[in-house]
């Protein structure tokens, strides 16, 4: 639950998240118009550079994706069903 947001926080802002005791809880993305106005992306107590954080996350995701075979054998394929 978001207790209070800074008056200058805007949709899409990278924000520092503080706990009830005022200590840093982590970092997140803020959108006051969302059903979930705060999406915590890190529980780090240390200062995080937003650009570096996302660059690292994207590089890690790309590296993992390269490890997935383009055409896996049928017994290793995943299937999704929806109605």
PDB file of N, CA and C in Angstrom:
ATOM      1  N   UNK A   1       0.841  -1.167   0.000  1.00  0.00           N
ATOM      2  CA  UNK A   1       0.000   0.000   0.000  1.00  0.00           C
ATOM      3  C   UNK A   1       0.892   1.237   0.000  1.00  0.00           C
ATOM      4  N   UNK A   2       0.586   2.163  -0.878  1.00  0.00           N
ATOM      5  CA  UNK A   2       1.326   3.415  -0.930  1.00  0.00           C
ATOM      6  C   UNK A   2       0.705   4.354   0.086  1.00  0.00           C
ATOM      7  N   UNK A   3       1.499   4.740   1.078  1.00  0.00           N
ATOM      8  CA  UNK A   3       0.977   5.626   2.110  1.00  0.00           C
ATOM      9  C   UNK A   3       0.941   7.068   1.655  1.00  0.00           C
ATOM     10  N   UNK A   4       2.035   7.524   1.054  1.00  0.00           N
ATOM     11  CA  UNK A   4       2.127   8.912   0.651  1.00  0.00           C
ATOM     12  C   UNK A   4       3.177   9.023  -0.444  1.00  0.00           C
ATOM     13  N   UNK A   5       2.906   9.853  -1.430  1.00  0.00           N
ATOM     14  CA  UNK A   5       3.861  10.070  -2.509  1.00  0.00           C
ATOM     15  C   UNK A   5       4.298  11.527  -2.492  1.00  0.00           C
ATOM     16  N   UNK A   6       5.502  11.753  -2.924  1.00  0.00           N
ATOM     17  CA  UNK A   6       6.009  13.117  -3.030  1.00  0.00           C
ATOM     18  C   UNK A   6       5.123  13.912  -3.975  1.00  0.00           C
ATOM     19  N   UNK A   7       4.889  15.165  -3.665  1.00  0.00           N
ATOM     20  CA  UNK A   7       3.999  15.994  -4.495  1.00  0.00           C
ATOM     21  C   UNK A   7       4.555  16.226  -5.895  1.00  0.00           C
ATOM     22  N   UNK A   8       5.863  16.050  -6.087  1.00  0.00           N
ATOM     23  CA  UNK A   8       6.431  16.259  -7.421  1.00  0.00           C
ATOM     24  C   UNK A   8       6.604  14.957  -8.211  1.00  0.00           C
ATOM     25  N   UNK A   9       6.183  13.829  -7.649  1.00  0.00           N
ATOM     26  CA  UNK A   9       6.276  12.544  -8.357  1.00  0.00           C
ATOM     27  C   UNK A   9       5.252  12.504  -9.487  1.00  0.00           C
ATOM     28  N   UNK A  10       5.722  12.128 -10.682  1.00  0.00           N
ATOM     29  CA  UNK A  10       4.864  12.062 -11.865  1.00  0.00           C
ATOM     30  C   UNK A  10       4.808  10.632 -12.388  1.00  0.00           C
ATOM     31  N   UNK A  11       3.819  10.354 -13.205  1.00  0.00           N
ATOM     32  CA  UNK A  11       3.673   9.035 -13.815  1.00  0.00           C
ATOM     33  C   UNK A  11       4.957   8.655 -14.551  1.00  0.00           C
ATOM     34  N   UNK A  12       5.443   7.450 -14.268  1.00  0.00           N
ATOM     35  CA  UNK A  12       6.639   6.951 -14.924  1.00  0.00           C
ATOM     36  C   UNK A  12       7.929   7.280 -14.210  1.00  0.00           C
ATOM     37  N   UNK A  13       7.859   8.028 -13.108  1.00  0.00           N
ATOM     38  CA  UNK A  13       9.073   8.404 -12.392  1.00  0.00           C
ATOM     39  C   UNK A  13       9.706   7.208 -11.686  1.00  0.00           C
ATOM     40  N   UNK A  14      11.039   7.225 -11.658  1.00  0.00           N
ATOM     41  CA  UNK A  14      11.849   6.298 -10.879  1.00  0.00           C
ATOM     42  C   UNK A  14      11.891   6.892  -9.485  1.00  0.00           C
ATOM     43  N   UNK A  15      11.430   6.157  -8.485  1.00  0.00           N
ATOM     44  CA  UNK A  15      11.311   6.726  -7.150  1.00  0.00           C
ATOM     45  C   UNK A  15      11.997   5.872  -6.088  1.00  0.00           C
ATOM     46  N   UNK A  16      12.448   6.555  -5.063  1.00  0.00           N
ATOM     47  CA  UNK A  16      12.988   5.888  -3.887  1.00  0.00           C
ATOM     48  C   UNK A  16      11.795   5.520  -3.012  1.00  0.00           C
ATOM     49  N   UNK A  17      11.779   4.293  -2.515  1.00  0.00           N
ATOM     50  CA  UNK A  17      10.677   3.819  -1.679  1.00  0.00           C
ATOM     51  C   UNK A  17      11.166   3.761  -0.239  1.00  0.00           C
ATOM     52  N   UNK A  18      10.420   4.413   0.648  1.00  0.00           N
ATOM     53  CA  UNK A  18      10.781   4.433   2.061  1.00  0.00           C
ATOM     54  C   UNK A  18       9.800   3.595   2.859  1.00  0.00           C
ATOM     55  N   UNK A  19      10.316   2.920   3.875  1.00  0.00           N
ATOM     56  CA  UNK A  19       9.461   2.134   4.758  1.00  0.00           C
ATOM     57  C   UNK A  19       8.774   3.032   5.775  1.00  0.00           C
ATOM     58  N   UNK A  20       7.948   2.431   6.614  1.00  0.00           N
ATOM     59  CA  UNK A  20       7.229   3.190   7.647  1.00  0.00           C
ATOM     60  C   UNK A  20       8.178   3.932   8.579  1.00  0.00           C
ATOM     61  N   UNK A  21       9.366   3.364   8.765  1.00  0.00           N
ATOM     62  CA  UNK A  21      10.342   3.977   9.666  1.00  0.00           C
ATOM     63  C   UNK A  21      11.161   5.079   8.994  1.00  0.00           C
ATOM     64  N   UNK A  22      10.884   5.335   7.701  1.00  0.00           N
ATOM     65  CA  UNK A  22      11.609   6.370   6.973  1.00  0.00           C
ATOM     66  C   UNK A  22      12.899   5.903   6.345  1.00  0.00           C
ATOM     67  N   UNK A  23      13.249   4.639   6.565  1.00  0.00           N
ATOM     68  CA  UNK A  23      14.463   4.076   5.970  1.00  0.00           C
ATOM     69  C   UNK A  23      14.176   3.609   4.549  1.00  0.00           C
ATOM     70  N   UNK A  24      15.221   3.641   3.717  1.00  0.00           N
ATOM     71  CA  UNK A  24      15.060   3.213   2.326  1.00  0.00           C
ATOM     72  C   UNK A  24      14.673   1.748   2.267  1.00  0.00           C
ATOM     73  N   UNK A  25      13.597   1.460   1.536  1.00  0.00           N
ATOM     74  CA  UNK A  25      13.070   0.110   1.354  1.00  0.00           C
ATOM     75  C   UNK A  25      13.473  -0.447  -0.001  1.00  0.00           C
ATOM     76  N   UNK A  26      13.647   0.435  -0.976  1.00  0.00           N
ATOM     77  CA  UNK A  26      14.008   0.005  -2.316  1.00  0.00           C
ATOM     78  C   UNK A  26      13.739   1.092  -3.338  1.00  0.00           C
ATOM     79  N   UNK A  27      13.534   0.657  -4.590  1.00  0.00           N
ATOM     80  CA  UNK A  27      13.328   1.566  -5.717  1.00  0.00           C
ATOM     81  C   UNK A  27      12.172   1.058  -6.559  1.00  0.00           C
ATOM     82  N   UNK A  28      11.445   1.966  -7.181  1.00  0.00           N
ATOM     83  CA  UNK A  28      10.321   1.530  -7.987  1.00  0.00           C
ATOM     84  C   UNK A  28       9.913   2.536  -9.045  1.00  0.00           C
ATOM     85  N   UNK A  29       8.901   2.162  -9.785  1.00  0.00           N
ATOM     86  CA  UNK A  29       8.304   3.029 -10.796  1.00  0.00           C
ATOM     87  C   UNK A  29       6.935   3.455 -10.297  1.00  0.00           C
ATOM     88  N   UNK A  30       6.640   4.730 -10.448  1.00  0.00           N
ATOM     89  CA  UNK A  30       5.417   5.306  -9.892  1.00  0.00           C
ATOM     90  C   UNK A  30       4.463   5.729 -10.992  1.00  0.00           C
ATOM     91  N   UNK A  31       3.184   5.381 -10.837  1.00  0.00           N
ATOM     92  CA  UNK A  31       2.136   5.838 -11.746  1.00  0.00           C
ATOM     93  C   UNK A  31       0.857   6.024 -10.924  1.00  0.00           C
ATOM     94  N   UNK A  32       0.515   7.257 -10.598  1.00  0.00           N
ATOM     95  CA  UNK A  32      -0.639   7.506  -9.735  1.00  0.00           C
ATOM     96  C   UNK A  32      -1.973   7.080 -10.347  1.00  0.00           C
ATOM     97  N   UNK A  33      -2.017   6.874 -11.661  1.00  0.00           N
ATOM     98  CA  UNK A  33      -3.273   6.494 -12.320  1.00  0.00           C
ATOM     99  C   UNK A  33      -3.459   4.976 -12.413  1.00  0.00           C
ATOM    100  N   UNK A  34      -2.497   4.225 -11.963  1.00  0.00           N
ATOM    101  CA  UNK A  34      -2.561   2.767 -12.044  1.00  0.00           C
ATOM    102  C   UNK A  34      -3.270   2.177 -10.824  1.00  0.00           C
ATOM    103  N   UNK A  35      -3.815   0.980 -11.010  1.00  0.00           N
ATOM    104  CA  UNK A  35      -4.392   0.264  -9.860  1.00  0.00           C
ATOM    105  C   UNK A  35      -3.292  -0.112  -8.874  1.00  0.00           C
ATOM    106  N   UNK A  36      -2.082  -0.281  -9.395  1.00  0.00           N
ATOM    107  CA  UNK A  36      -0.900  -0.520  -8.558  1.00  0.00           C
ATOM    108  C   UNK A  36       0.046   0.653  -8.799  1.00  0.00           C
ATOM    109  N   UNK A  37      -0.109   1.746  -8.051  1.00  0.00           N
ATOM    110  CA  UNK A  37       0.651   2.963  -8.345  1.00  0.00           C
ATOM    111  C   UNK A  37       2.158   2.844  -8.152  1.00  0.00           C
ATOM    112  N   UNK A  38       2.602   1.847  -7.414  1.00  0.00           N
ATOM    113  CA  UNK A  38       4.030   1.683  -7.184  1.00  0.00           C
ATOM    114  C   UNK A  38       4.438   0.261  -7.532  1.00  0.00           C
ATOM    115  N   UNK A  39       5.384   0.149  -8.435  1.00  0.00           N
ATOM    116  CA  UNK A  39       5.920  -1.171  -8.798  1.00  0.00           C
ATOM    117  C   UNK A  39       7.376  -1.204  -8.358  1.00  0.00           C
ATOM    118  N   UNK A  40       7.633  -1.957  -7.302  1.00  0.00           N
ATOM    119  CA  UNK A  40       8.992  -2.040  -6.776  1.00  0.00           C
ATOM    120  C   UNK A  40       9.815  -2.935  -7.691  1.00  0.00           C
ATOM    121  N   UNK A  41      10.963  -2.419  -8.132  1.00  0.00           N
ATOM    122  CA  UNK A  41      11.823  -3.189  -9.034  1.00  0.00           C
ATOM    123  C   UNK A  41      13.132  -3.597  -8.364  1.00  0.00           C
ATOM    124  N   UNK A  42      13.422  -3.046  -7.193  1.00  0.00           N
ATOM    125  CA  UNK A  42      14.636  -3.423  -6.469  1.00  0.00           C
ATOM    126  C   UNK A  42      14.440  -3.159  -4.980  1.00  0.00           C
ATOM    127  N   UNK A  43      14.938  -4.079  -4.180  1.00  0.00           N
ATOM    128  CA  UNK A  43      14.897  -3.907  -2.726  1.00  0.00           C
ATOM    129  C   UNK A  43      16.259  -3.461  -2.202  1.00  0.00           C
ATOM    130  N   UNK A  44      17.067  -2.897  -3.073  1.00  0.00           N
ATOM    131  CA  UNK A  44      18.400  -2.458  -2.685  1.00  0.00           C
ATOM    132  C   UNK A  44      18.331  -1.222  -1.784  1.00  0.00           C
ATOM    133  N   UNK A  45      19.178  -1.212  -0.780  1.00  0.00           N
ATOM    134  CA  UNK A  45      19.276  -0.048   0.105  1.00  0.00           C
ATOM    135  C   UNK A  45      20.273   0.970  -0.432  1.00  0.00           C
ATOM    136  N   UNK A  46      20.984   0.594  -1.472  1.00  0.00           N
ATOM    137  CA  UNK A  46      21.999   1.483  -2.034  1.00  0.00           C
ATOM    138  C   UNK A  46      21.415   2.321  -3.168  1.00  0.00           C
ATOM    139  N   UNK A  47      22.051   3.443  -3.421  1.00  0.00           N
ATOM    140  CA  UNK A  47      21.650   4.327  -4.522  1.00  0.00           C
ATOM    141  C   UNK A  47      21.754   3.544  -5.834  1.00  0.00           C
ATOM    142  N   UNK A  48      20.734   3.649  -6.674  1.00  0.00           N
ATOM    143  CA  UNK A  48      20.737   2.933  -7.950  1.00  0.00           C
ATOM    144  C   UNK A  48      20.573   3.939  -9.082  1.00  0.00           C
ATOM    145  N   UNK A  49      21.458   3.829 -10.066  1.00  0.00           N
ATOM    146  CA  UNK A  49      21.345   4.652 -11.259  1.00  0.00           C
ATOM    147  C   UNK A  49      20.301   4.004 -12.160  1.00  0.00           C
ATOM    148  N   UNK A  50      19.235   4.725 -12.446  1.00  0.00           N
ATOM    149  CA  UNK A  50      18.119   4.182 -13.232  1.00  0.00           C
ATOM    150  C   UNK A  50      18.583   3.660 -14.586  1.00  0.00           C
ATOM    151  N   UNK A  51      19.391   4.429 -15.301  1.00  0.00           N
ATOM    152  CA  UNK A  51      19.862   4.018 -16.626  1.00  0.00           C
ATOM    153  C   UNK A  51      20.648   2.708 -16.527  1.00  0.00           C
ATOM    154  N   UNK A  52      21.589   2.653 -15.586  1.00  0.00           N
ATOM    155  CA  UNK A  52      22.417   1.451 -15.428  1.00  0.00           C
ATOM    156  C   UNK A  52      21.562   0.246 -15.018  1.00  0.00           C
ATOM    157  N   UNK A  53      20.587   0.463 -14.146  1.00  0.00           N
ATOM    158  CA  UNK A  53      19.717  -0.620 -13.690  1.00  0.00           C
ATOM    159  C   UNK A  53      19.011  -1.284 -14.875  1.00  0.00           C
ATOM    160  N   UNK A  54      18.380  -0.466 -15.737  1.00  0.00           N
ATOM    161  CA  UNK A  54      17.633  -1.032 -16.861  1.00  0.00           C
ATOM    162  C   UNK A  54      18.546  -1.562 -17.957  1.00  0.00           C
ATOM    163  N   UNK A  55      19.689  -0.925 -18.164  1.00  0.00           N
ATOM    164  CA  UNK A  55      20.634  -1.441 -19.151  1.00  0.00           C
ATOM    165  C   UNK A  55      21.094  -2.844 -18.749  1.00  0.00           C
ATOM    166  N   UNK A  56      21.421  -3.017 -17.480  1.00  0.00           N
ATOM    167  CA  UNK A  56      21.857  -4.323 -16.979  1.00  0.00           C
ATOM    168  C   UNK A  56      20.740  -5.358 -17.100  1.00  0.00           C
ATOM    169  N   UNK A  57      19.518  -4.980 -16.736  1.00  0.00           N
ATOM    170  CA  UNK A  57      18.384  -5.909 -16.811  1.00  0.00           C
ATOM    171  C   UNK A  57      18.114  -6.339 -18.250  1.00  0.00           C
ATOM    172  N   UNK A  58      18.188  -5.404 -19.184  1.00  0.00           N
ATOM    173  CA  UNK A  58      17.930  -5.729 -20.594  1.00  0.00           C
ATOM    174  C   UNK A  58      19.036  -6.619 -21.149  1.00  0.00           C
ATOM    175  N   UNK A  59      20.285  -6.319 -20.810  1.00  0.00           N
ATOM    176  CA  UNK A  59      21.398  -7.163 -21.278  1.00  0.00           C
ATOM    177  C   UNK A  59      21.284  -8.582 -20.715  1.00  0.00           C
ATOM    178  N   UNK A  60      20.896  -8.689 -19.447  1.00  0.00           N
ATOM    179  CA  UNK A  60      20.731 -10.014 -18.823  1.00  0.00           C
ATOM    180  C   UNK A  60      19.602 -10.787 -19.511  1.00  0.00           C
ATOM    181  N   UNK A  61      18.493 -10.110 -19.799  1.00  0.00           N
ATOM    182  CA  UNK A  61      17.362 -10.763 -20.472  1.00  0.00           C
ATOM    183  C   UNK A  61      17.757 -11.206 -21.884  1.00  0.00           C
ATOM    184  N   UNK A  62      18.491 -10.363 -22.604  1.00  0.00           N
ATOM    185  CA  UNK A  62      18.924 -10.715 -23.960  1.00  0.00           C
ATOM    186  C   UNK A  62      19.860 -11.921 -23.930  1.00  0.00           C
ATOM    187  N   UNK A  63      20.739 -11.958 -22.948  1.00  0.00           N
ATOM    188  CA  UNK A  63      21.663 -13.080 -22.821  1.00  0.00           C
ATOM    189  C   UNK A  63      20.902 -14.382 -22.541  1.00  0.00           C
ATOM    190  N   UNK A  64      19.930 -14.320 -21.662  1.00  0.00           N
ATOM    191  CA  UNK A  64      19.131 -15.510 -21.363  1.00  0.00           C
ATOM    192  C   UNK A  64      18.342 -15.961 -22.585  1.00  0.00           C
ATOM    193  N   UNK A  65      17.829 -14.995 -23.336  1.00  0.00           N
ATOM    194  CA  UNK A  65      17.038 -15.337 -24.521  1.00  0.00           C
ATOM    195  C   UNK A  65      17.898 -16.052 -25.569  1.00  0.00           C
ATOM    196  N   UNK A  66      19.168 -15.674 -25.670  1.00  0.00           N
ATOM    197  CA  UNK A  66      20.066 -16.313 -26.643  1.00  0.00           C
ATOM    198  C   UNK A  66      20.318 -17.774 -26.291  1.00  0.00           C
ATOM    199  N   UNK A  67      20.104 -18.141 -25.045  1.00  0.00           N
ATOM    200  CA  UNK A  67      20.320 -19.518 -24.618  1.00  0.00           C
ATOM    201  C   UNK A  67      19.140 -20.428 -24.968  1.00  0.00           C
ATOM    202  N   UNK A  68      18.033 -19.841 -25.399  1.00  0.00           N
ATOM    203  CA  UNK A  68      16.852 -20.621 -25.764  1.00  0.00           C
ATOM    204  C   UNK A  68      16.985 -21.036 -27.223  1.00  0.00           C
ATOM    205  N   UNK A  69      16.910 -22.316 -27.521  1.00  0.00           N
ATOM    206  CA  UNK A  69      17.037 -22.741 -28.913  1.00  0.00           C
ATOM    207  C   UNK A  69      15.883 -22.207 -29.767  1.00  0.00           C
ATOM    208  N   UNK A  70      16.208 -21.838 -31.015  1.00  0.00           N
ATOM    209  CA  UNK A  70      15.199 -21.285 -31.926  1.00  0.00           C
ATOM    210  C   UNK A  70      14.122 -22.319 -32.255  1.00  0.00           C
ATOM    211  N   UNK A  71      14.517 -23.555 -32.454  1.00  0.00           N
ATOM    212  CA  UNK A  71      13.577 -24.627 -32.780  1.00  0.00           C
ATOM    213  C   UNK A  71      13.832 -25.816 -31.871  1.00  0.00           C
ATOM    214  N   UNK A  72      13.316 -25.781 -30.648  1.00  0.00           N
ATOM    215  CA  UNK A  72      13.573 -26.893 -29.735  1.00  0.00           C
ATOM    216  C   UNK A  72      12.876 -28.171 -30.208  1.00  0.00           C
ATOM    217  N   UNK A  73      13.411 -29.327 -29.829  1.00  0.00           N
ATOM    218  CA  UNK A  73      12.750 -30.589 -30.182  1.00  0.00           C
ATOM    219  C   UNK A  73      11.324 -30.601 -29.613  1.00  0.00           C
ATOM    220  N   UNK A  74      10.407 -31.304 -30.277  1.00  0.00           N
ATOM    221  CA  UNK A  74       8.999 -31.303 -29.843  1.00  0.00           C
ATOM    222  C   UNK A  74       8.795 -31.655 -28.368  1.00  0.00           C
ATOM    223  N   UNK A  75       9.609 -32.561 -27.830  1.00  0.00           N
ATOM    224  CA  UNK A  75       9.420 -32.941 -26.425  1.00  0.00           C
ATOM    225  C   UNK A  75       9.895 -31.865 -25.441  1.00  0.00           C
ATOM    226  N   UNK A  76      10.558 -30.816 -25.952  1.00  0.00           N
ATOM    227  CA  UNK A  76      11.013 -29.719 -25.098  1.00  0.00           C
ATOM    228  C   UNK A  76      10.215 -28.435 -25.333  1.00  0.00           C
ATOM    229  N   UNK A  77       9.243 -28.475 -26.204  1.00  0.00           N
ATOM    230  CA  UNK A  77       8.457 -27.286 -26.502  1.00  0.00           C
ATOM    231  C   UNK A  77       7.397 -27.063 -25.439  1.00  0.00           C
ATOM    232  N   UNK A  78       7.136 -25.828 -25.174  1.00  0.00           N
ATOM    233  CA  UNK A  78       6.069 -25.450 -24.249  1.00  0.00           C
ATOM    234  C   UNK A  78       4.824 -25.106 -25.055  1.00  0.00           C
ATOM    235  N   UNK A  79       3.687 -25.355 -24.477  1.00  0.00           N
ATOM    236  CA  UNK A  79       2.463 -24.963 -25.168  1.00  0.00           C
ATOM    237  C   UNK A  79       1.588 -24.162 -24.206  1.00  0.00           C
ATOM    238  N   UNK A  80       0.876 -23.212 -24.749  1.00  0.00           N
ATOM    239  CA  UNK A  80      -0.029 -22.384 -23.963  1.00  0.00           C
ATOM    240  C   UNK A  80      -1.425 -22.541 -24.559  1.00  0.00           C
ATOM    241  N   UNK A  81      -2.381 -22.660 -23.700  1.00  0.00           N
ATOM    242  CA  UNK A  81      -3.775 -22.797 -24.151  1.00  0.00           C
ATOM    243  C   UNK A  81      -4.599 -21.690 -23.507  1.00  0.00           C
ATOM    244  N   UNK A  82      -5.442 -21.095 -24.287  1.00  0.00           N
ATOM    245  CA  UNK A  82      -6.341 -20.077 -23.723  1.00  0.00           C
ATOM    246  C   UNK A  82      -7.715 -20.242 -24.362  1.00  0.00           C
ATOM    247  N   UNK A  83      -8.691 -19.686 -23.718  1.00  0.00           N
ATOM    248  CA  UNK A  83     -10.048 -19.781 -24.245  1.00  0.00           C
ATOM    249  C   UNK A  83     -10.498 -18.466 -24.798  1.00  0.00           C
TER     250      UNK A  83
END
